[in-house]
Amino acid sequence: MQTDRKLKILFGILSLGLLVTLLIKLKDVPGGMILSGLFLGGMLMVVMVIACSILASVLILIFKQLSYLTLFYILTTISFSAFHYYLYSPTLTIVVPNGYQGEINLVLSNQKENELTVDSNGIGYLNEWTFRKTYSRPIVKQLNGENVDEYLIGFNPSAFFGKGSICCYEKREIQNLSFKIGTKPHLEDEYFEHKSLIELVDKNKVKWTEIEKYTNFSDTTIQLME
């Protein structure tokens, strides 16, 4: 009984702490076209809690020395920890040329290391793991060390990065994450002239994706991260 009580308190505290931190994290997670990341993540957490409740009812028949609540807290702790890992997003520190204004494009690359010091065209390169996991607002500094966070422009409140593809080159396309650096602090939006990136990227560094339909025009399509 004493062991069960200690486990109940320990995992109860862990489960509650993970729940609170998940709710905080979900506020910054990209959602769908209409629903926010907090709503979608909250719905998934409800399903997880229900599943843990059912599984605890089954496991209590096997682990009779433990109470239902102890098993429930253990299962929710494991589930919430796994969800935390799934939602993990690295915070990138991007270095831009002094005085740079315009779009920043982080291209999916075939390299092991990220190249986060972007060139004069605002292009950097991400390895596949970083590209797939990144959604958090980055830290952006100029070469002189000046932080330009107040000049950053995301694509909408629930998805800072725009996720798109650069099309087309030899029936292949390049995937990229993008955002903007404005001309003034705290702008909600600002127009920038579109650049055809297909001629600006280092084609030896990018990871190409085969496409089914080929066009004769180079274009960049931007969509919100799902």
C-alpha atoms as a PDB file:
ATOM      1  CA  MET A   1       0.000   0.000   0.000  1.00  0.00           C
ATOM      2  CA  GLN A   2       2.818   2.392   0.860  1.00  0.00           C
ATOM      3  CA  THR A   3       4.491   1.754  -2.510  1.00  0.00           C
ATOM      4  CA  ASP A   4       1.226   2.294  -4.340  1.00  0.00           C
ATOM      5  CA  ARG A   5       0.674   5.603  -2.527  1.00  0.00           C
ATOM      6  CA  LYS A   6       4.169   6.863  -3.385  1.00  0.00           C
ATOM      7  CA  LEU A   7       3.783   5.883  -7.032  1.00  0.00           C
ATOM      8  CA  LYS A   8       0.361   7.539  -7.158  1.00  0.00           C
ATOM      9  CA  ILE A   9       1.756  10.830  -5.831  1.00  0.00           C
ATOM     10  CA  LEU A  10       4.874  10.730  -8.034  1.00  0.00           C
ATOM     11  CA  PHE A  11       3.136   9.939 -11.305  1.00  0.00           C
ATOM     12  CA  GLY A  12       0.167  12.144 -10.445  1.00  0.00           C
ATOM     13  CA  ILE A  13       2.487  15.157 -10.163  1.00  0.00           C
ATOM     14  CA  LEU A  14       4.376  14.169 -13.329  1.00  0.00           C
ATOM     15  CA  SER A  15       1.151  13.680 -15.276  1.00  0.00           C
ATOM     16  CA  LEU A  16      -0.267  17.035 -14.182  1.00  0.00           C
ATOM     17  CA  GLY A  17       2.982  18.842 -14.970  1.00  0.00           C
ATOM     18  CA  LEU A  18       3.159  17.301 -18.433  1.00  0.00           C
ATOM     19  CA  LEU A  19      -0.495  18.187 -19.066  1.00  0.00           C
ATOM     20  CA  VAL A  20       0.052  21.848 -18.195  1.00  0.00           C
ATOM     21  CA  THR A  21       3.221  22.161 -20.286  1.00  0.00           C
ATOM     22  CA  LEU A  22       1.489  20.445 -23.227  1.00  0.00           C
ATOM     23  CA  LEU A  23      -1.356  22.957 -23.137  1.00  0.00           C
ATOM     24  CA  ILE A  24       1.172  25.798 -23.134  1.00  0.00           C
ATOM     25  CA  LYS A  25       3.115  24.268 -26.015  1.00  0.00           C
ATOM     26  CA  LEU A  26      -0.003  23.614 -28.085  1.00  0.00           C
ATOM     27  CA  LYS A  27      -0.678  27.360 -28.294  1.00  0.00           C
ATOM     28  CA  ASP A  28       2.301  27.648 -30.652  1.00  0.00           C
ATOM     29  CA  VAL A  29       1.668  24.481 -32.669  1.00  0.00           C
ATOM     30  CA  PRO A  30       0.362  25.028 -36.225  1.00  0.00           C
ATOM     31  CA  GLY A  31      -3.227  23.930 -36.729  1.00  0.00           C
ATOM     32  CA  GLY A  32      -5.293  23.200 -39.799  1.00  0.00           C
ATOM     33  CA  MET A  33      -6.852  25.691 -42.180  1.00  0.00           C
ATOM     34  CA  ILE A  34      -9.581  26.577 -39.635  1.00  0.00           C
ATOM     35  CA  LEU A  35      -8.900  24.798 -36.338  1.00  0.00           C
ATOM     36  CA  SER A  36      -6.041  25.890 -34.088  1.00  0.00           C
ATOM     37  CA  GLY A  37      -3.232  23.644 -32.924  1.00  0.00           C
ATOM     38  CA  LEU A  38      -4.504  24.021 -29.351  1.00  0.00           C
ATOM     39  CA  PHE A  39      -7.965  22.746 -30.306  1.00  0.00           C
ATOM     40  CA  LEU A  40      -6.678  19.828 -32.390  1.00  0.00           C
ATOM     41  CA  GLY A  41      -4.087  18.886 -29.795  1.00  0.00           C
ATOM     42  CA  GLY A  42      -6.662  19.193 -27.018  1.00  0.00           C
ATOM     43  CA  MET A  43      -8.986  16.800 -28.834  1.00  0.00           C
ATOM     44  CA  LEU A  44      -6.162  14.311 -29.213  1.00  0.00           C
ATOM     45  CA  MET A  45      -5.331  14.610 -25.512  1.00  0.00           C
ATOM     46  CA  VAL A  46      -8.964  13.849 -24.612  1.00  0.00           C
ATOM     47  CA  VAL A  47      -8.743  10.683 -26.709  1.00  0.00           C
ATOM     48  CA  MET A  48      -5.456   9.780 -24.994  1.00  0.00           C
ATOM     49  CA  VAL A  49      -6.984  10.237 -21.532  1.00  0.00           C
ATOM     50  CA  ILE A  50      -9.980   8.064 -22.439  1.00  0.00           C
ATOM     51  CA  ALA A  51      -7.677   5.373 -23.852  1.00  0.00           C
ATOM     52  CA  CYS A  52      -5.507   5.464 -20.709  1.00  0.00           C
ATOM     53  CA  SER A  53      -8.626   5.145 -18.562  1.00  0.00           C
ATOM     54  CA  ILE A  54      -9.771   2.052 -20.442  1.00  0.00           C
ATOM     55  CA  LEU A  55      -6.305   0.488 -20.438  1.00  0.00           C
ATOM     56  CA  ALA A  56      -5.921   1.125 -16.689  1.00  0.00           C
ATOM     57  CA  SER A  57      -9.203  -0.760 -16.117  1.00  0.00           C
ATOM     58  CA  VAL A  58      -7.703  -3.738 -17.921  1.00  0.00           C
ATOM     59  CA  LEU A  59      -4.254  -3.603 -16.325  1.00  0.00           C
ATOM     60  CA  ILE A  60      -5.649  -3.500 -12.807  1.00  0.00           C
ATOM     61  CA  LEU A  61      -6.673  -7.134 -13.335  1.00  0.00           C
ATOM     62  CA  ILE A  62      -2.998  -7.971 -13.881  1.00  0.00           C
ATOM     63  CA  PHE A  63      -1.244  -5.569 -11.464  1.00  0.00           C
ATOM     64  CA  LYS A  64      -3.547  -6.125  -8.508  1.00  0.00           C
ATOM     65  CA  GLN A  65      -1.083  -4.592  -6.062  1.00  0.00           C
ATOM     66  CA  LEU A  66      -1.542  -1.178  -7.703  1.00  0.00           C
ATOM     67  CA  SER A  67      -4.644   0.974  -7.572  1.00  0.00           C
ATOM     68  CA  TYR A  68      -6.596   2.156 -10.610  1.00  0.00           C
ATOM     69  CA  LEU A  69      -5.459   5.778 -10.156  1.00  0.00           C
ATOM     70  CA  THR A  70      -1.801   4.762  -9.937  1.00  0.00           C
ATOM     71  CA  LEU A  71      -2.024   2.846 -13.201  1.00  0.00           C
ATOM     72  CA  PHE A  72      -3.970   5.695 -14.806  1.00  0.00           C
ATOM     73  CA  TYR A  73      -1.342   8.269 -13.791  1.00  0.00           C
ATOM     74  CA  ILE A  74       1.481   6.043 -15.042  1.00  0.00           C
ATOM     75  CA  LEU A  75      -0.218   5.584 -18.415  1.00  0.00           C
ATOM     76  CA  THR A  76      -1.018   9.301 -18.836  1.00  0.00           C
ATOM     77  CA  THR A  77       2.558  10.197 -17.898  1.00  0.00           C
ATOM     78  CA  ILE A  78       3.878   7.874 -20.615  1.00  0.00           C
ATOM     79  CA  SER A  79       1.319   9.148 -23.157  1.00  0.00           C
ATOM     80  CA  PHE A  80       1.929  12.837 -22.428  1.00  0.00           C
ATOM     81  CA  SER A  81       5.708  12.313 -22.556  1.00  0.00           C
ATOM     82  CA  ALA A  82       5.387  10.697 -25.991  1.00  0.00           C
ATOM     83  CA  PHE A  83       3.185  13.587 -27.159  1.00  0.00           C
ATOM     84  CA  HIS A  84       5.789  16.067 -25.899  1.00  0.00           C
ATOM     85  CA  TYR A  85       8.422  14.301 -27.991  1.00  0.00           C
ATOM     86  CA  TYR A  86       6.151  14.316 -31.029  1.00  0.00           C
ATOM     87  CA  LEU A  87       5.584  18.071 -30.667  1.00  0.00           C
ATOM     88  CA  TYR A  88       9.242  18.906 -30.135  1.00  0.00           C
ATOM     89  CA  SER A  89      10.455  21.687 -32.405  1.00  0.00           C
ATOM     90  CA  PRO A  90      14.016  23.054 -32.402  1.00  0.00           C
ATOM     91  CA  THR A  91      14.385  26.827 -32.079  1.00  0.00           C
ATOM     92  CA  LEU A  92      16.635  27.805 -34.974  1.00  0.00           C
ATOM     93  CA  THR A  93      19.129  30.655 -34.729  1.00  0.00           C
ATOM     94  CA  ILE A  94      19.347  32.164 -38.207  1.00  0.00           C
ATOM     95  CA  VAL A  95      22.014  34.669 -39.247  1.00  0.00           C
ATOM     96  CA  VAL A  96      21.217  37.116 -42.042  1.00  0.00           C
ATOM     97  CA  PRO A  97      23.315  39.756 -43.838  1.00  0.00           C
ATOM     98  CA  ASN A  98      23.367  43.164 -42.157  1.00  0.00           C
ATOM     99  CA  GLY A  99      20.316  45.186 -43.173  1.00  0.00           C
ATOM    100  CA  TYR A 100      18.626  42.281 -44.973  1.00  0.00           C
ATOM    101  CA  GLN A 101      14.927  42.743 -45.752  1.00  0.00           C
ATOM    102  CA  GLY A 102      12.617  40.345 -47.573  1.00  0.00           C
ATOM    103  CA  GLU A 103      11.883  36.637 -47.604  1.00  0.00           C
ATOM    104  CA  ILE A 104      13.977  34.003 -45.849  1.00  0.00           C
ATOM    105  CA  ASN A 105      13.787  30.550 -47.444  1.00  0.00           C
ATOM    106  CA  LEU A 106      15.099  27.475 -45.610  1.00  0.00           C
ATOM    107  CA  VAL A 107      15.426  24.724 -48.179  1.00  0.00           C
ATOM    108  CA  LEU A 108      15.236  20.977 -47.499  1.00  0.00           C
ATOM    109  CA  SER A 109      18.768  19.740 -48.150  1.00  0.00           C
ATOM    110  CA  ASN A 110      20.613  16.439 -48.581  1.00  0.00           C
ATOM    111  CA  GLN A 111      23.249  17.431 -46.015  1.00  0.00           C
ATOM    112  CA  LYS A 112      23.721  16.265 -42.416  1.00  0.00           C
ATOM    113  CA  GLU A 113      24.296  19.743 -40.995  1.00  0.00           C
ATOM    114  CA  ASN A 114      22.058  22.793 -41.193  1.00  0.00           C
ATOM    115  CA  GLU A 115      23.297  25.954 -42.891  1.00  0.00           C
ATOM    116  CA  LEU A 116      21.578  28.716 -40.954  1.00  0.00           C
ATOM    117  CA  THR A 117      23.737  31.622 -42.105  1.00  0.00           C
ATOM    118  CA  VAL A 118      21.698  32.602 -45.130  1.00  0.00           C
ATOM    119  CA  ASP A 119      23.208  34.044 -48.311  1.00  0.00           C
ATOM    120  CA  SER A 120      22.488  37.433 -49.877  1.00  0.00           C
ATOM    121  CA  ASN A 121      19.288  36.003 -51.391  1.00  0.00           C
ATOM    122  CA  GLY A 122      17.982  34.904 -47.983  1.00  0.00           C
ATOM    123  CA  ILE A 123      18.503  31.187 -48.638  1.00  0.00           C
ATOM    124  CA  GLY A 124      19.623  28.661 -46.022  1.00  0.00           C
ATOM    125  CA  TYR A 125      19.558  24.848 -45.892  1.00  0.00           C
ATOM    126  CA  LEU A 126      18.024  22.394 -43.399  1.00  0.00           C
ATOM    127  CA  ASN A 127      18.646  18.688 -42.982  1.00  0.00           C
ATOM    128  CA  GLU A 128      15.564  16.504 -43.246  1.00  0.00           C
ATOM    129  CA  TRP A 129      15.025  15.969 -39.508  1.00  0.00           C
ATOM    130  CA  THR A 130      15.140  19.695 -38.760  1.00  0.00           C
ATOM    131  CA  PHE A 131      12.943  20.513 -41.743  1.00  0.00           C
ATOM    132  CA  ARG A 132      10.231  18.041 -40.643  1.00  0.00           C
ATOM    133  CA  LYS A 133      10.268  19.081 -36.965  1.00  0.00           C
ATOM    134  CA  THR A 134      10.569  22.866 -37.181  1.00  0.00           C
ATOM    135  CA  TYR A 135       7.589  25.125 -36.579  1.00  0.00           C
ATOM    136  CA  SER A 136       8.748  27.313 -33.654  1.00  0.00           C
ATOM    137  CA  ARG A 137       9.462  30.984 -34.259  1.00  0.00           C
ATOM    138  CA  PRO A 138      13.233  31.285 -34.876  1.00  0.00           C
ATOM    139  CA  ILE A 139      15.826  33.616 -33.409  1.00  0.00           C
ATOM    140  CA  VAL A 140      17.177  35.846 -36.196  1.00  0.00           C
ATOM    141  CA  LYS A 141      20.326  37.929 -35.937  1.00  0.00           C
ATOM    142  CA  GLN A 142      22.370  39.965 -38.365  1.00  0.00           C
ATOM    143  CA  LEU A 143      26.054  39.260 -38.966  1.00  0.00           C
ATOM    144  CA  ASN A 144      26.884  42.122 -36.601  1.00  0.00           C
ATOM    145  CA  GLY A 145      24.965  40.333 -33.823  1.00  0.00           C
ATOM    146  CA  GLU A 146      21.916  42.607 -33.808  1.00  0.00           C
ATOM    147  CA  ASN A 147      18.682  40.753 -33.042  1.00  0.00           C
ATOM    148  CA  VAL A 148      15.916  41.501 -35.566  1.00  0.00           C
ATOM    149  CA  ASP A 149      13.055  39.626 -33.861  1.00  0.00           C
ATOM    150  CA  GLU A 150      10.750  42.663 -33.934  1.00  0.00           C
ATOM    151  CA  TYR A 151      11.033  42.786 -37.746  1.00  0.00           C
ATOM    152  CA  LEU A 152       9.928  39.172 -38.354  1.00  0.00           C
ATOM    153  CA  ILE A 153       6.693  38.499 -40.233  1.00  0.00           C
ATOM    154  CA  GLY A 154       5.068  35.060 -40.078  1.00  0.00           C
ATOM    155  CA  PHE A 155       2.395  33.747 -42.414  1.00  0.00           C
ATOM    156  CA  ASN A 156      -0.348  33.698 -39.782  1.00  0.00           C
ATOM    157  CA  PRO A 157      -0.635  33.480 -35.962  1.00  0.00           C
ATOM    158  CA  SER A 158      -0.934  29.678 -35.902  1.00  0.00           C
ATOM    159  CA  ALA A 159       1.834  28.935 -38.414  1.00  0.00           C
ATOM    160  CA  PHE A 160       4.856  31.216 -38.369  1.00  0.00           C
ATOM    161  CA  PHE A 161       6.577  29.429 -41.241  1.00  0.00           C
ATOM    162  CA  GLY A 162       5.075  29.105 -44.678  1.00  0.00           C
ATOM    163  CA  LYS A 163       5.698  25.646 -46.113  1.00  0.00           C
ATOM    164  CA  GLY A 164       5.874  25.311 -49.858  1.00  0.00           C
ATOM    165  CA  SER A 165       7.683  23.963 -52.874  1.00  0.00           C
ATOM    166  CA  ILE A 166       9.934  25.453 -55.549  1.00  0.00           C
ATOM    167  CA  CYS A 167       8.848  24.124 -58.904  1.00  0.00           C
ATOM    168  CA  CYS A 168      10.140  22.889 -61.328  1.00  0.00           C
ATOM    169  CA  TYR A 169      13.550  21.603 -62.429  1.00  0.00           C
ATOM    170  CA  GLU A 170      13.935  18.465 -64.516  1.00  0.00           C
ATOM    171  CA  LYS A 171      10.544  17.178 -63.287  1.00  0.00           C
ATOM    172  CA  ARG A 172      11.611  17.676 -59.675  1.00  0.00           C
ATOM    173  CA  GLU A 173      10.801  20.230 -56.997  1.00  0.00           C
ATOM    174  CA  ILE A 174      12.413  21.630 -53.851  1.00  0.00           C
ATOM    175  CA  GLN A 175      10.621  21.986 -50.502  1.00  0.00           C
ATOM    176  CA  ASN A 176      11.184  25.022 -48.306  1.00  0.00           C
ATOM    177  CA  LEU A 177      10.109  26.856 -45.145  1.00  0.00           C
ATOM    178  CA  SER A 178       9.819  30.617 -45.355  1.00  0.00           C
ATOM    179  CA  PHE A 179       9.064  33.827 -43.473  1.00  0.00           C
ATOM    180  CA  LYS A 180       9.789  37.523 -43.973  1.00  0.00           C
ATOM    181  CA  ILE A 181      11.913  40.252 -42.445  1.00  0.00           C
ATOM    182  CA  GLY A 182      10.050  43.564 -42.644  1.00  0.00           C
ATOM    183  CA  THR A 183      11.266  47.103 -43.150  1.00  0.00           C
ATOM    184  CA  LYS A 184       9.732  48.292 -39.869  1.00  0.00           C
ATOM    185  CA  PRO A 185       9.240  46.686 -36.437  1.00  0.00           C
ATOM    186  CA  HIS A 186       6.021  44.897 -35.489  1.00  0.00           C
ATOM    187  CA  LEU A 187       4.440  44.864 -38.932  1.00  0.00           C
ATOM    188  CA  GLU A 188       1.642  42.317 -39.323  1.00  0.00           C
ATOM    189  CA  ASP A 189       2.161  42.031 -43.056  1.00  0.00           C
ATOM    190  CA  GLU A 190       4.225  43.562 -45.815  1.00  0.00           C
ATOM    191  CA  TYR A 191       4.468  42.921 -49.525  1.00  0.00           C
ATOM    192  CA  PHE A 192       7.738  41.671 -50.971  1.00  0.00           C
ATOM    193  CA  GLU A 193       8.514  41.119 -54.618  1.00  0.00           C
ATOM    194  CA  HIS A 194       8.479  37.432 -55.526  1.00  0.00           C
ATOM    195  CA  LYS A 195      11.791  35.869 -56.536  1.00  0.00           C
ATOM    196  CA  SER A 196      12.167  32.726 -58.615  1.00  0.00           C
ATOM    197  CA  LEU A 197      14.336  30.651 -56.274  1.00  0.00           C
ATOM    198  CA  ILE A 198      14.984  27.771 -58.643  1.00  0.00           C
ATOM    199  CA  GLU A 199      17.941  29.659 -60.139  1.00  0.00           C
ATOM    200  CA  LEU A 200      19.216  30.934 -56.785  1.00  0.00           C
ATOM    201  CA  VAL A 201      19.565  27.741 -54.729  1.00  0.00           C
ATOM    202  CA  ASP A 202      22.657  25.542 -54.739  1.00  0.00           C
ATOM    203  CA  LYS A 203      21.292  22.548 -56.647  1.00  0.00           C
ATOM    204  CA  ASN A 204      24.008  20.269 -55.246  1.00  0.00           C
ATOM    205  CA  LYS A 205      22.788  20.860 -51.683  1.00  0.00           C
ATOM    206  CA  VAL A 206      19.035  20.452 -52.058  1.00  0.00           C
ATOM    207  CA  LYS A 207      17.037  17.271 -51.623  1.00  0.00           C
ATOM    208  CA  TRP A 208      14.917  16.846 -54.724  1.00  0.00           C
ATOM    209  CA  THR A 209      11.360  15.519 -54.774  1.00  0.00           C
ATOM    210  CA  GLU A 210       9.944  13.888 -57.873  1.00  0.00           C
ATOM    211  CA  ILE A 211       6.704  15.410 -59.147  1.00  0.00           C
ATOM    212  CA  GLU A 212       3.995  13.814 -61.255  1.00  0.00           C
ATOM    213  CA  LYS A 213       3.177  16.813 -63.397  1.00  0.00           C
ATOM    214  CA  TYR A 214       5.827  18.948 -65.021  1.00  0.00           C
ATOM    215  CA  THR A 215       5.474  22.529 -66.157  1.00  0.00           C
ATOM    216  CA  ASN A 216       7.863  24.653 -68.139  1.00  0.00           C
ATOM    217  CA  PHE A 217       7.721  27.527 -65.666  1.00  0.00           C
ATOM    218  CA  SER A 218       9.606  28.053 -62.415  1.00  0.00           C
ATOM    219  CA  ASP A 219       7.300  29.007 -59.589  1.00  0.00           C
ATOM    220  CA  THR A 220       7.072  28.902 -55.813  1.00  0.00           C
ATOM    221  CA  THR A 221       3.899  27.707 -54.116  1.00  0.00           C
ATOM    222  CA  ILE A 222       3.415  28.614 -50.450  1.00  0.00           C
ATOM    223  CA  GLN A 223       1.010  26.827 -48.139  1.00  0.00           C
ATOM    224  CA  LEU A 224       0.479  26.829 -44.383  1.00  0.00           C
ATOM    225  CA  MET A 225       2.157  24.122 -42.312  1.00  0.00           C
ATOM    226  CA  GLU A 226      -0.279  21.401 -41.311  1.00  0.00           C
END
